[in-house]
Every structure is written in C-alpha cells, then in structure tokens.
Full PDB file with SEQRES, HELIX, SHEET, SSBOND, CRYST1, ORIGX, SCALE, CONECT and MASTER records, all heavy atoms in Angstrom:
SEQRES   1 A   31  THR TRP LEU ASN PHE LYS ASN ARG GLY ASP LEU ALA ILE          
SEQRES   2 A   31  LEU VAL GLU GLY ASP LYS GLN LEU PHE ASN GLN TYR GLY          
SEQRES   3 A   31  VAL ILE VAL VAL ASN                                          
HELIX    1 AA1 LYS A   19  LEU A   21  5                                   3    
CRYST1    1.000    1.000    1.000  90.00  90.00  90.00 P 1           1          
ORIGX1      1.000000  0.000000  0.000000        0.00000                         
ORIGX2      0.000000  1.000000  0.000000        0.00000                         
ORIGX3      0.000000  0.000000  1.000000        0.00000                         
SCALE1      1.000000  0.000000  0.000000        0.00000                         
SCALE2      0.000000  1.000000  0.000000        0.00000                         
SCALE3      0.000000  0.000000  1.000000        0.00000                         
ATOM      1  N   THR A   1     106.767  94.134 100.662  1.00  0.00           N  
ATOM      2  CA  THR A   1     105.444  93.905 101.260  1.00  0.00           C  
ATOM      3  C   THR A   1     104.552  93.142 100.291  1.00  0.00           C  
ATOM      4  O   THR A   1     103.793  92.251 100.694  1.00  0.00           O  
ATOM      5  CB  THR A   1     104.793  95.237 101.669  1.00  0.00           C  
ATOM      6  OG1 THR A   1     105.667  95.938 102.555  1.00  0.00           O  
ATOM      7  CG2 THR A   1     103.466  95.002 102.376  1.00  0.00           C  
ATOM      8  N   TRP A   2     104.640  93.459  99.013  1.00  0.00           N  
ATOM      9  CA  TRP A   2     103.828  92.760  98.007  1.00  0.00           C  
ATOM     10  C   TRP A   2     104.157  91.266  97.974  1.00  0.00           C  
ATOM     11  O   TRP A   2     103.262  90.425  97.941  1.00  0.00           O  
ATOM     12  CB  TRP A   2     104.048  93.379  96.631  1.00  0.00           C  
ATOM     13  CG  TRP A   2     103.432  92.594  95.507  1.00  0.00           C  
ATOM     14  CD1 TRP A   2     104.083  91.825  94.584  1.00  0.00           C  
ATOM     15  CD2 TRP A   2     102.040  92.484  95.205  1.00  0.00           C  
ATOM     16  NE1 TRP A   2     103.192  91.248  93.727  1.00  0.00           N  
ATOM     17  CE2 TRP A   2     101.918  91.632  94.082  1.00  0.00           C  
ATOM     18  CE3 TRP A   2     100.887  93.017  95.762  1.00  0.00           C  
ATOM     19  CZ2 TRP A   2     100.696  91.312  93.499  1.00  0.00           C  
ATOM     20  CZ3 TRP A   2      99.656  92.704  95.201  1.00  0.00           C  
ATOM     21  CH2 TRP A   2      99.572  91.849  94.086  1.00  0.00           C  
ATOM     22  N   LEU A   3     105.438  90.933  98.007  1.00  0.00           N  
ATOM     23  CA  LEU A   3     105.824  89.526  97.937  1.00  0.00           C  
ATOM     24  C   LEU A   3     105.334  88.740  99.158  1.00  0.00           C  
ATOM     25  O   LEU A   3     105.085  87.543  99.070  1.00  0.00           O  
ATOM     26  CB  LEU A   3     107.346  89.402  97.805  1.00  0.00           C  
ATOM     27  CG  LEU A   3     107.930  89.791  96.446  1.00  0.00           C  
ATOM     28  CD1 LEU A   3     109.453  89.808  96.492  1.00  0.00           C  
ATOM     29  CD2 LEU A   3     107.454  88.843  95.353  1.00  0.00           C  
ATOM     30  N   ASN A   4     105.196  89.422 100.280  1.00  0.00           N  
ATOM     31  CA  ASN A   4     104.741  88.778 101.511  1.00  0.00           C  
ATOM     32  C   ASN A   4     103.229  88.881 101.701  1.00  0.00           C  
ATOM     33  O   ASN A   4     102.689  88.378 102.679  1.00  0.00           O  
ATOM     34  CB  ASN A   4     105.449  89.397 102.722  1.00  0.00           C  
ATOM     35  CG  ASN A   4     105.560  88.435 103.893  1.00  0.00           C  
ATOM     36  OD1 ASN A   4     105.655  87.222 103.710  1.00  0.00           O  
ATOM     37  ND2 ASN A   4     105.546  88.962 105.099  1.00  0.00           N  
ATOM     38  N   PHE A   5     102.541  89.518 100.753  1.00  0.00           N  
ATOM     39  CA  PHE A   5     101.108  89.791 100.872  1.00  0.00           C  
ATOM     40  C   PHE A   5     100.309  88.615 100.311  1.00  0.00           C  
ATOM     41  O   PHE A   5     100.487  88.211  99.165  1.00  0.00           O  
ATOM     42  CB  PHE A   5     100.773  91.074 100.097  1.00  0.00           C  
ATOM     43  CG  PHE A   5      99.337  91.497 100.168  1.00  0.00           C  
ATOM     44  CD1 PHE A   5      98.750  91.828 101.378  1.00  0.00           C  
ATOM     45  CD2 PHE A   5      98.572  91.580  99.010  1.00  0.00           C  
ATOM     46  CE1 PHE A   5      97.418  92.230 101.438  1.00  0.00           C  
ATOM     47  CE2 PHE A   5      97.248  91.985  99.060  1.00  0.00           C  
ATOM     48  CZ  PHE A   5      96.668  92.311 100.273  1.00  0.00           C  
ATOM     49  N   LYS A   6      99.428  88.064 101.119  1.00  0.00           N  
ATOM     50  CA  LYS A   6      98.706  86.840 100.730  1.00  0.00           C  
ATOM     51  C   LYS A   6      97.330  87.092 100.111  1.00  0.00           C  
ATOM     52  O   LYS A   6      96.804  86.265  99.393  1.00  0.00           O  
ATOM     53  CB  LYS A   6      98.520  85.940 101.972  1.00  0.00           C  
ATOM     54  CG  LYS A   6      99.815  85.579 102.698  1.00  0.00           C  
ATOM     55  CD  LYS A   6     100.748  84.739 101.830  1.00  0.00           C  
ATOM     56  CE  LYS A   6     101.918  84.174 102.606  1.00  0.00           C  
ATOM     57  NZ  LYS A   6     102.866  85.184 103.088  1.00  0.00           N  
ATOM     58  N   ASN A   7      96.733  88.245 100.416  1.00  0.00           N  
ATOM     59  CA  ASN A   7      95.341  88.505 100.023  1.00  0.00           C  
ATOM     60  C   ASN A   7      95.264  89.299  98.710  1.00  0.00           C  
ATOM     61  O   ASN A   7      94.632  90.349  98.640  1.00  0.00           O  
ATOM     62  CB  ASN A   7      94.644  89.274 101.166  1.00  0.00           C  
ATOM     63  CG  ASN A   7      93.167  89.501 100.897  1.00  0.00           C  
ATOM     64  OD1 ASN A   7      92.513  88.683 100.280  1.00  0.00           O  
ATOM     65  ND2 ASN A   7      92.655  90.628 101.362  1.00  0.00           N  
ATOM     66  N   ARG A   8      95.899  88.788  97.651  1.00  0.00           N  
ATOM     67  CA  ARG A   8      96.051  89.597  96.427  1.00  0.00           C  
ATOM     68  C   ARG A   8      94.773  89.734  95.609  1.00  0.00           C  
ATOM     69  O   ARG A   8      94.626  90.693  94.849  1.00  0.00           O  
ATOM     70  CB  ARG A   8      97.158  89.001  95.553  1.00  0.00           C  
ATOM     71  CG  ARG A   8      98.520  89.082  96.215  1.00  0.00           C  
ATOM     72  CD  ARG A   8      99.615  88.531  95.326  1.00  0.00           C  
ATOM     73  NE  ARG A   8     100.916  88.584  95.977  1.00  0.00           N  
ATOM     74  CZ  ARG A   8     102.037  88.177  95.420  1.00  0.00           C  
ATOM     75  NH1 ARG A   8     102.026  87.682  94.199  1.00  0.00           N  
ATOM     76  NH2 ARG A   8     103.182  88.249  96.095  1.00  0.00           N  
ATOM     77  N   GLY A   9      93.876  88.790  95.741  1.00  0.00           N  
ATOM     78  CA  GLY A   9      92.650  88.862  94.939  1.00  0.00           C  
ATOM     79  C   GLY A   9      92.976  88.923  93.464  1.00  0.00           C  
ATOM     80  O   GLY A   9      93.702  88.076  92.934  1.00  0.00           O  
ATOM     81  N   ASP A  10      92.496  89.962  92.789  1.00  0.00           N  
ATOM     82  CA  ASP A  10      92.702  90.114  91.343  1.00  0.00           C  
ATOM     83  C   ASP A  10      93.879  91.039  91.023  1.00  0.00           C  
ATOM     84  O   ASP A  10      94.082  91.410  89.874  1.00  0.00           O  
ATOM     85  CB  ASP A  10      91.413  90.650  90.700  1.00  0.00           C  
ATOM     86  CG  ASP A  10      91.362  90.378  89.202  1.00  0.00           C  
ATOM     87  OD1 ASP A  10      91.738  89.260  88.783  1.00  0.00           O  
ATOM     88  OD2 ASP A  10      90.971  91.293  88.446  1.00  0.00           O  
ATOM     89  N   LEU A  11      94.631  91.437  92.034  1.00  0.00           N  
ATOM     90  CA  LEU A  11      95.735  92.372  91.803  1.00  0.00           C  
ATOM     91  C   LEU A  11      96.958  91.674  91.222  1.00  0.00           C  
ATOM     92  O   LEU A  11      97.234  90.516  91.527  1.00  0.00           O  
ATOM     93  CB  LEU A  11      96.139  93.073  93.104  1.00  0.00           C  
ATOM     94  CG  LEU A  11      95.105  93.941  93.811  1.00  0.00           C  
ATOM     95  CD1 LEU A  11      95.736  94.624  95.026  1.00  0.00           C  
ATOM     96  CD2 LEU A  11      94.510  94.982  92.865  1.00  0.00           C  
ATOM     97  N   ALA A  12      97.693  92.410  90.395  1.00  0.00           N  
ATOM     98  CA  ALA A  12      98.942  91.909  89.805  1.00  0.00           C  
ATOM     99  C   ALA A  12      99.891  93.087  89.619  1.00  0.00           C  
ATOM    100  O   ALA A  12      99.467  94.247  89.626  1.00  0.00           O  
ATOM    101  CB  ALA A  12      98.657  91.250  88.447  1.00  0.00           C  
ATOM    102  N   ILE A  13     101.184  92.792  89.455  1.00  0.00           N  
ATOM    103  CA  ILE A  13     102.156  93.856  89.164  1.00  0.00           C  
ATOM    104  C   ILE A  13     101.927  94.356  87.744  1.00  0.00           C  
ATOM    105  O   ILE A  13     101.916  93.574  86.788  1.00  0.00           O  
ATOM    106  CB  ILE A  13     103.597  93.346  89.300  1.00  0.00           C  
ATOM    107  CG1 ILE A  13     103.879  92.890  90.733  1.00  0.00           C  
ATOM    108  CG2 ILE A  13     104.594  94.441  88.898  1.00  0.00           C  
ATOM    109  CD1 ILE A  13     105.238  92.229  90.912  1.00  0.00           C  
ATOM    110  N   LEU A  14     101.756  95.673  87.611  1.00  0.00           N  
ATOM    111  CA  LEU A  14     101.506  96.252  86.286  1.00  0.00           C  
ATOM    112  C   LEU A  14     102.644  97.163  85.816  1.00  0.00           C  
ATOM    113  O   LEU A  14     102.904  97.253  84.623  1.00  0.00           O  
ATOM    114  CB  LEU A  14     100.184  97.041  86.299  1.00  0.00           C  
ATOM    115  CG  LEU A  14      98.933  96.202  86.587  1.00  0.00           C  
ATOM    116  CD1 LEU A  14      97.710  97.089  86.671  1.00  0.00           C  
ATOM    117  CD2 LEU A  14      98.741  95.126  85.530  1.00  0.00           C  
ATOM    118  N   VAL A  15     103.283  97.851  86.759  1.00  0.00           N  
ATOM    119  CA  VAL A  15     104.398  98.734  86.387  1.00  0.00           C  
ATOM    120  C   VAL A  15     105.583  98.442  87.301  1.00  0.00           C  
ATOM    121  O   VAL A  15     105.461  98.470  88.521  1.00  0.00           O  
ATOM    122  CB  VAL A  15     104.012 100.231  86.501  1.00  0.00           C  
ATOM    123  CG1 VAL A  15     105.213 101.117  86.142  1.00  0.00           C  
ATOM    124  CG2 VAL A  15     102.836 100.555  85.592  1.00  0.00           C  
ATOM    125  N   GLU A  16     106.734  98.149  86.687  1.00  0.00           N  
ATOM    126  CA  GLU A  16     107.965  97.928  87.439  1.00  0.00           C  
ATOM    127  C   GLU A  16     109.141  98.251  86.530  1.00  0.00           C  
ATOM    128  O   GLU A  16     109.004  98.344  85.308  1.00  0.00           O  
ATOM    129  CB  GLU A  16     108.055  96.472  87.916  1.00  0.00           C  
ATOM    130  CG  GLU A  16     108.058  95.446  86.812  1.00  0.00           C  
ATOM    131  CD  GLU A  16     108.071  94.006  87.337  1.00  0.00           C  
ATOM    132  OE1 GLU A  16     108.624  93.768  88.417  1.00  0.00           O  
ATOM    133  OE2 GLU A  16     107.527  93.127  86.632  1.00  0.00           O  
ATOM    134  N   GLY A  17     110.305  98.454  87.154  1.00  0.00           N  
ATOM    135  CA  GLY A  17     111.526  98.637  86.369  1.00  0.00           C  
ATOM    136  C   GLY A  17     111.876 100.069  86.023  1.00  0.00           C  
ATOM    137  O   GLY A  17     112.949 100.314  85.459  1.00  0.00           O  
ATOM    138  N   ASP A  18     111.018 101.036  86.371  1.00  0.00           N  
ATOM    139  CA  ASP A  18     111.349 102.439  86.136  1.00  0.00           C  
ATOM    140  C   ASP A  18     112.373 102.871  87.186  1.00  0.00           C  
ATOM    141  O   ASP A  18     112.198 102.609  88.380  1.00  0.00           O  
ATOM    142  CB  ASP A  18     110.069 103.281  86.260  1.00  0.00           C  
ATOM    143  CG  ASP A  18     110.252 104.724  85.814  1.00  0.00           C  
ATOM    144  OD1 ASP A  18     111.346 105.280  86.029  1.00  0.00           O  
ATOM    145  OD2 ASP A  18     109.291 105.306  85.276  1.00  0.00           O  
ATOM    146  N   LYS A  19     113.443 103.552  86.763  1.00  0.00           N  
ATOM    147  CA  LYS A  19     114.484 103.956  87.719  1.00  0.00           C  
ATOM    148  C   LYS A  19     113.944 104.903  88.793  1.00  0.00           C  
ATOM    149  O   LYS A  19     114.526 105.036  89.880  1.00  0.00           O  
ATOM    150  CB  LYS A  19     115.671 104.591  86.993  1.00  0.00           C  
ATOM    151  CG  LYS A  19     115.358 105.902  86.297  1.00  0.00           C  
ATOM    152  CD  LYS A  19     116.587 106.462  85.599  1.00  0.00           C  
ATOM    153  CE  LYS A  19     116.268 107.807  84.933  1.00  0.00           C  
ATOM    154  NZ  LYS A  19     117.433 108.352  84.214  1.00  0.00           N  
ATOM    155  N   GLN A  20     112.817 105.558  88.492  1.00  0.00           N  
ATOM    156  CA  GLN A  20     112.200 106.440  89.489  1.00  0.00           C  
ATOM    157  C   GLN A  20     111.659 105.661  90.689  1.00  0.00           C  
ATOM    158  O   GLN A  20     111.342 106.242  91.728  1.00  0.00           O  
ATOM    159  CB  GLN A  20     111.040 107.229  88.850  1.00  0.00           C  
ATOM    160  CG  GLN A  20     111.451 108.182  87.755  1.00  0.00           C  
ATOM    161  CD  GLN A  20     112.289 109.348  88.270  1.00  0.00           C  
ATOM    162  OE1 GLN A  20     112.301 109.645  89.460  1.00  0.00           O  
ATOM    163  NE2 GLN A  20     113.006 110.005  87.377  1.00  0.00           N  
ATOM    164  N   LEU A  21     111.523 104.350  90.546  1.00  0.00           N  
ATOM    165  CA  LEU A  21     110.915 103.527  91.592  1.00  0.00           C  
ATOM    166  C   LEU A  21     111.943 102.903  92.546  1.00  0.00           C  
ATOM    167  O   LEU A  21     111.590 102.065  93.377  1.00  0.00           O  
ATOM    168  CB  LEU A  21     110.057 102.432  90.949  1.00  0.00           C  
ATOM    169  CG  LEU A  21     108.859 102.961  90.147  1.00  0.00           C  
ATOM    170  CD1 LEU A  21     108.151 101.822  89.427  1.00  0.00           C  
ATOM    171  CD2 LEU A  21     107.886 103.702  91.045  1.00  0.00           C  
ATOM    172  N   PHE A  22     113.195 103.329  92.440  1.00  0.00           N  
ATOM    173  CA  PHE A  22     114.255 102.867  93.339  1.00  0.00           C  
ATOM    174  C   PHE A  22     113.908 103.256  94.778  1.00  0.00           C  
ATOM    175  O   PHE A  22     113.436 104.367  95.039  1.00  0.00           O  
ATOM    176  CB  PHE A  22     115.578 103.511  92.909  1.00  0.00           C  
ATOM    177  CG  PHE A  22     116.767 103.154  93.761  1.00  0.00           C  
ATOM    178  CD1 PHE A  22     117.428 101.956  93.588  1.00  0.00           C  
ATOM    179  CD2 PHE A  22     117.236 104.039  94.722  1.00  0.00           C  
ATOM    180  CE1 PHE A  22     118.549 101.634  94.351  1.00  0.00           C  
ATOM    181  CE2 PHE A  22     118.352 103.733  95.492  1.00  0.00           C  
ATOM    182  CZ  PHE A  22     119.002 102.518  95.306  1.00  0.00           C  
ATOM    183  N   ASN A  23     114.155 102.370  95.736  1.00  0.00           N  
ATOM    184  CA  ASN A  23     113.731 102.575  97.126  1.00  0.00           C  
ATOM    185  C   ASN A  23     114.872 102.238  98.085  1.00  0.00           C  
ATOM    186  O   ASN A  23     115.134 101.075  98.367  1.00  0.00           O  
ATOM    187  CB  ASN A  23     112.504 101.684  97.412  1.00  0.00           C  
ATOM    188  CG  ASN A  23     111.969 101.849  98.819  1.00  0.00           C  
ATOM    189  OD1 ASN A  23     112.101 102.902  99.431  1.00  0.00           O  
ATOM    190  ND2 ASN A  23     111.346 100.800  99.318  1.00  0.00           N  
ATOM    191  N   GLN A  24     115.547 103.284  98.579  1.00  0.00           N  
ATOM    192  CA  GLN A  24     116.718 103.127  99.442  1.00  0.00           C  
ATOM    193  C   GLN A  24     116.340 103.192 100.922  1.00  0.00           C  
ATOM    194  O   GLN A  24     115.546 104.031 101.329  1.00  0.00           O  
ATOM    195  CB  GLN A  24     117.735 104.233  99.142  1.00  0.00           C  
ATOM    196  CG  GLN A  24     118.974 104.222 100.031  1.00  0.00           C  
ATOM    197  CD  GLN A  24     119.892 103.044  99.733  1.00  0.00           C  
ATOM    198  OE1 GLN A  24     120.204 102.763  98.574  1.00  0.00           O  
ATOM    199  NE2 GLN A  24     120.322 102.345 100.780  1.00  0.00           N  
ATOM    200  N   TYR A  25     116.927 102.301 101.727  1.00  0.00           N  
ATOM    201  CA  TYR A  25     116.723 102.299 103.181  1.00  0.00           C  
ATOM    202  C   TYR A  25     118.005 102.736 103.883  1.00  0.00           C  
ATOM    203  O   TYR A  25     119.108 102.398 103.443  1.00  0.00           O  
ATOM    204  CB  TYR A  25     116.353 100.900 103.674  1.00  0.00           C  
ATOM    205  CG  TYR A  25     114.962 100.455 103.292  1.00  0.00           C  
ATOM    206  CD1 TYR A  25     114.696  99.959 102.024  1.00  0.00           C  
ATOM    207  CD2 TYR A  25     113.914 100.547 104.206  1.00  0.00           C  
ATOM    208  CE1 TYR A  25     113.420  99.542 101.669  1.00  0.00           C  
ATOM    209  CE2 TYR A  25     112.626 100.127 103.860  1.00  0.00           C  
ATOM    210  CZ  TYR A  25     112.394  99.634 102.590  1.00  0.00           C  
ATOM    211  OH  TYR A  25     111.125  99.240 102.245  1.00  0.00           O  
ATOM    212  N   GLY A  26     117.837 103.462 104.993  1.00  0.00           N  
ATOM    213  CA  GLY A  26     118.985 103.896 105.775  1.00  0.00           C  
ATOM    214  C   GLY A  26     118.766 103.681 107.260  1.00  0.00           C  
ATOM    215  O   GLY A  26     117.633 103.516 107.724  1.00  0.00           O  
ATOM    216  N   VAL A  27     119.879 103.688 108.018  1.00  0.00           N  
ATOM    217  CA  VAL A  27     119.820 103.535 109.471  1.00  0.00           C  
ATOM    218  C   VAL A  27     120.471 104.754 110.113  1.00  0.00           C  
ATOM    219  O   VAL A  27     121.487 105.259 109.623  1.00  0.00           O  
ATOM    220  CB  VAL A  27     120.500 102.214 109.925  1.00  0.00           C  
ATOM    221  CG1 VAL A  27     121.986 102.209 109.634  1.00  0.00           C  
ATOM    222  CG2 VAL A  27     120.238 101.929 111.391  1.00  0.00           C  
ATOM    223  N   ILE A  28     119.851 105.263 111.196  1.00  0.00           N  
ATOM    224  CA  ILE A  28     120.351 106.461 111.879  1.00  0.00           C  
ATOM    225  C   ILE A  28     120.274 106.244 113.383  1.00  0.00           C  
ATOM    226  O   ILE A  28     119.202 105.918 113.918  1.00  0.00           O  
ATOM    227  CB  ILE A  28     119.524 107.720 111.526  1.00  0.00           C  
ATOM    228  CG1 ILE A  28     119.446 107.948 110.016  1.00  0.00           C  
ATOM    229  CG2 ILE A  28     120.103 108.953 112.220  1.00  0.00           C  
ATOM    230  CD1 ILE A  28     118.462 109.039 109.604  1.00  0.00           C  
ATOM    231  N   VAL A  29     121.380 106.470 114.070  1.00  0.00           N  
ATOM    232  CA  VAL A  29     121.412 106.428 115.533  1.00  0.00           C  
ATOM    233  C   VAL A  29     120.978 107.794 116.064  1.00  0.00           C  
ATOM    234  O   VAL A  29     121.468 108.834 115.611  1.00  0.00           O  
ATOM    235  CB  VAL A  29     122.840 106.086 116.042  1.00  0.00           C  
ATOM    236  CG1 VAL A  29     122.901 106.179 117.570  1.00  0.00           C  
ATOM    237  CG2 VAL A  29     123.252 104.699 115.553  1.00  0.00           C  
ATOM    238  N   VAL A  30     120.052 107.799 117.023  1.00  0.00           N  
ATOM    239  CA  VAL A  30     119.572 109.051 117.606  1.00  0.00           C  
ATOM    240  C   VAL A  30     120.693 109.699 118.427  1.00  0.00           C  
ATOM    241  O   VAL A  30     121.440 109.026 119.142  1.00  0.00           O  
ATOM    242  CB  VAL A  30     118.322 108.796 118.477  1.00  0.00           C  
ATOM    243  CG1 VAL A  30     117.931 110.046 119.263  1.00  0.00           C  
ATOM    244  CG2 VAL A  30     117.165 108.329 117.595  1.00  0.00           C  
ATOM    245  N   ASN A  31     120.799 111.008 118.300  1.00  0.00           N  
ATOM    246  CA  ASN A  31     121.877 111.771 118.930  1.00  0.00           C  
ATOM    247  C   ASN A  31     121.613 111.954 120.429  1.00  0.00           C  
ATOM    248  O   ASN A  31     120.638 112.609 120.808  1.00  0.00           O  
ATOM    249  CB  ASN A  31     121.986 113.139 118.256  1.00  0.00           C  
ATOM    250  CG  ASN A  31     123.202 113.919 118.700  1.00  0.00           C  
ATOM    251  OD1 ASN A  31     123.915 113.516 119.616  1.00  0.00           O  
ATOM    252  ND2 ASN A  31     123.439 115.051 118.056  1.00  0.00           N  
TER     253      ASN A  31                                                      
MASTER        0    0    0    1    0    0    0    6  252    1    0    3          
END                                                                             
C-alpha cells in the first residue's frame, strides 16, 4: 500500500527489515 500511495507528504520509511514485520497472505475457500 505504501508503494502505491501518492499522498506521502513528509512521510518516509523509518523502520524496515525486522523479521517481526513479515506479512503472510493466505487463501481459503468457504465450506
């Protein structure tokens, strides 16, 4: 979302690369 976000103003990436920040996506078919 950040990479696609155009209205950044004065914001910048300050913290990245911590393994705690891993973000996994999954898909599930409803039963």
